[in-house]
């Protein structure tokens, strides 16, 4: 089941890139690079979340990082 979801998400990212790429031909090279970078990072994140759904989300990471500071400031 996970392999089907993985294949579907990869096809979705590929379809998104193929759909947007002709519209990016008039844009500067750095716009294309930014689009590809964000798309690839999003695809990698999707793959990681498919296989490890219980990883910490960004809110939990911020809480973990700043919780000791909050305890110090509370005193």
C-alpha atoms as a PDB file:
ATOM      1  CA  UNK A   1       0.000   0.000   0.000  1.00  0.00           C
ATOM      2  CA  UNK A   2       2.793   2.410   0.849  1.00  0.00           C
ATOM      3  CA  UNK A   3       4.416   1.819  -2.514  1.00  0.00           C
ATOM      4  CA  UNK A   4       1.218   2.838  -4.300  1.00  0.00           C
ATOM      5  CA  UNK A   5       0.990   6.042  -2.286  1.00  0.00           C
ATOM      6  CA  UNK A   6       4.683   6.682  -2.955  1.00  0.00           C
ATOM      7  CA  UNK A   7       4.230   6.202  -6.688  1.00  0.00           C
ATOM      8  CA  UNK A   8       1.133   8.409  -6.674  1.00  0.00           C
ATOM      9  CA  UNK A   9       2.878  11.241  -4.850  1.00  0.00           C
ATOM     10  CA  UNK A  10       5.907  11.048  -7.150  1.00  0.00           C
ATOM     11  CA  UNK A  11       3.632  11.139 -10.195  1.00  0.00           C
ATOM     12  CA  UNK A  12       1.810  14.121  -8.729  1.00  0.00           C
ATOM     13  CA  UNK A  13       5.065  16.031  -8.202  1.00  0.00           C
ATOM     14  CA  UNK A  14       6.193  15.130 -11.722  1.00  0.00           C
ATOM     15  CA  UNK A  15       2.860  16.236 -13.199  1.00  0.00           C
ATOM     16  CA  UNK A  16       3.102  19.519 -11.316  1.00  0.00           C
ATOM     17  CA  UNK A  17       6.597  20.141 -12.654  1.00  0.00           C
ATOM     18  CA  UNK A  18       5.617  19.239 -16.220  1.00  0.00           C
ATOM     19  CA  UNK A  19       2.535  21.473 -16.045  1.00  0.00           C
ATOM     20  CA  UNK A  20       4.378  24.509 -14.695  1.00  0.00           C
ATOM     21  CA  UNK A  21       7.616  24.220 -16.673  1.00  0.00           C
ATOM     22  CA  UNK A  22       6.350  25.790 -19.952  1.00  0.00           C
ATOM     23  CA  UNK A  23       5.098  28.772 -17.963  1.00  0.00           C
ATOM     24  CA  UNK A  24       8.550  29.156 -16.403  1.00  0.00           C
ATOM     25  CA  UNK A  25      10.380  29.359 -19.741  1.00  0.00           C
ATOM     26  CA  UNK A  26       9.998  33.141 -19.792  1.00  0.00           C
ATOM     27  CA  UNK A  27      11.243  33.487 -16.212  1.00  0.00           C
ATOM     28  CA  UNK A  28      14.860  33.916 -15.074  1.00  0.00           C
ATOM     29  CA  UNK A  29      17.018  30.913 -14.323  1.00  0.00           C
ATOM     30  CA  UNK A  30      16.858  31.455 -10.564  1.00  0.00           C
ATOM     31  CA  UNK A  31      13.050  31.195 -10.619  1.00  0.00           C
ATOM     32  CA  UNK A  32      13.318  27.832 -12.340  1.00  0.00           C
ATOM     33  CA  UNK A  33      15.936  26.714  -9.832  1.00  0.00           C
ATOM     34  CA  UNK A  34      13.786  27.830  -6.893  1.00  0.00           C
ATOM     35  CA  UNK A  35      10.741  26.024  -8.309  1.00  0.00           C
ATOM     36  CA  UNK A  36      12.671  22.802  -8.882  1.00  0.00           C
ATOM     37  CA  UNK A  37      14.314  22.975  -5.461  1.00  0.00           C
ATOM     38  CA  UNK A  38      11.025  23.483  -3.630  1.00  0.00           C
ATOM     39  CA  UNK A  39       9.312  20.792  -5.687  1.00  0.00           C
ATOM     40  CA  UNK A  40      12.064  18.256  -5.034  1.00  0.00           C
ATOM     41  CA  UNK A  41      12.173  19.087  -1.322  1.00  0.00           C
ATOM     42  CA  UNK A  42       8.399  18.725  -1.146  1.00  0.00           C
ATOM     43  CA  UNK A  43       8.629  15.351  -2.867  1.00  0.00           C
ATOM     44  CA  UNK A  44      11.332  14.186  -0.456  1.00  0.00           C
ATOM     45  CA  UNK A  45       9.243  15.332   2.498  1.00  0.00           C
ATOM     46  CA  UNK A  46       6.254  13.432   1.115  1.00  0.00           C
ATOM     47  CA  UNK A  47       8.352  10.271   0.815  1.00  0.00           C
ATOM     48  CA  UNK A  48       9.663  10.619   4.364  1.00  0.00           C
ATOM     49  CA  UNK A  49       6.160  11.186   5.732  1.00  0.00           C
ATOM     50  CA  UNK A  50       4.830   8.143   3.876  1.00  0.00           C
ATOM     51  CA  UNK A  51       7.360   5.817   5.473  1.00  0.00           C
ATOM     52  CA  UNK A  52       7.715   7.563   8.863  1.00  0.00           C
ATOM     53  CA  UNK A  53       4.361   9.214   9.660  1.00  0.00           C
ATOM     54  CA  UNK A  54       5.126   9.663  13.355  1.00  0.00           C
ATOM     55  CA  UNK A  55       8.070  12.064  12.982  1.00  0.00           C
ATOM     56  CA  UNK A  56       7.862  15.359  14.822  1.00  0.00           C
ATOM     57  CA  UNK A  57       6.106  18.204  13.089  1.00  0.00           C
ATOM     58  CA  UNK A  58       7.590  21.723  12.990  1.00  0.00           C
ATOM     59  CA  UNK A  59       5.513  22.895  15.949  1.00  0.00           C
ATOM     60  CA  UNK A  60       6.857  20.097  18.125  1.00  0.00           C
ATOM     61  CA  UNK A  61      10.404  20.945  17.047  1.00  0.00           C
ATOM     62  CA  UNK A  62       9.944  24.623  17.990  1.00  0.00           C
ATOM     63  CA  UNK A  63       8.429  23.637  21.352  1.00  0.00           C
ATOM     64  CA  UNK A  64      11.352  21.293  22.014  1.00  0.00           C
ATOM     65  CA  UNK A  65      13.812  24.028  21.125  1.00  0.00           C
ATOM     66  CA  UNK A  66      12.249  26.879  23.112  1.00  0.00           C
ATOM     67  CA  UNK A  67      10.717  25.070  26.091  1.00  0.00           C
ATOM     68  CA  UNK A  68      13.893  25.360  28.223  1.00  0.00           C
ATOM     69  CA  UNK A  69      14.078  29.083  27.431  1.00  0.00           C
ATOM     70  CA  UNK A  70      10.449  29.505  28.496  1.00  0.00           C
ATOM     71  CA  UNK A  71      11.144  27.800  31.812  1.00  0.00           C
ATOM     72  CA  UNK A  72      14.125  30.082  32.434  1.00  0.00           C
ATOM     73  CA  UNK A  73      12.157  33.216  31.602  1.00  0.00           C
ATOM     74  CA  UNK A  74       9.236  32.118  33.783  1.00  0.00           C
ATOM     75  CA  UNK A  75      11.401  32.190  36.919  1.00  0.00           C
END
